[in-house]
Amino acid sequence: KERWEVFEVTTGRTHSITRSTLSACDCFVFFDESRCRGTDFKLLRESSALVTLDKRLTKDKFLQGCARMRQLFPGGQSLILAGTPEVVTKKSTPLEVLNMIVENGIKSVERGLPVYVQR
């Protein structure tokens, strides 16, 4: 079973989130790829998520990361997209970044299709 930990900066102590005096919405929360699915923390309405992009990111993984923010709407939670220069440049538009992510998903399916058919 997953165990979420809280590191309290003031005391330097780490404990289980269930034993902490802090609630999840008062914490900085880090979701890595392996712990992203099925996680549901109640985050503040004004929370922001930093979503990191790489050149192989697919739509499925991108949306799993973004979906941790349950209140994505104007005036609610927000996303900040960040990536290396090979993914995002000063001239990149959000549409270009999203197109790259969708194209990566298509390429991933195309690579896996011959393996699937051979089974």
Foldseek 3Di string as FASTA:
>chain_A
DDFDWDQDPVVRDIDTQVPDPDAQQVGDDDDDQVRQPPDAGDHFFAAEEEAEDDQLAAPVSSCSNVVSQPNPDVVGYYYHYDYDCVQDDPPDDPVNNVVSRHVSNVVVCVVCVVVVVVD
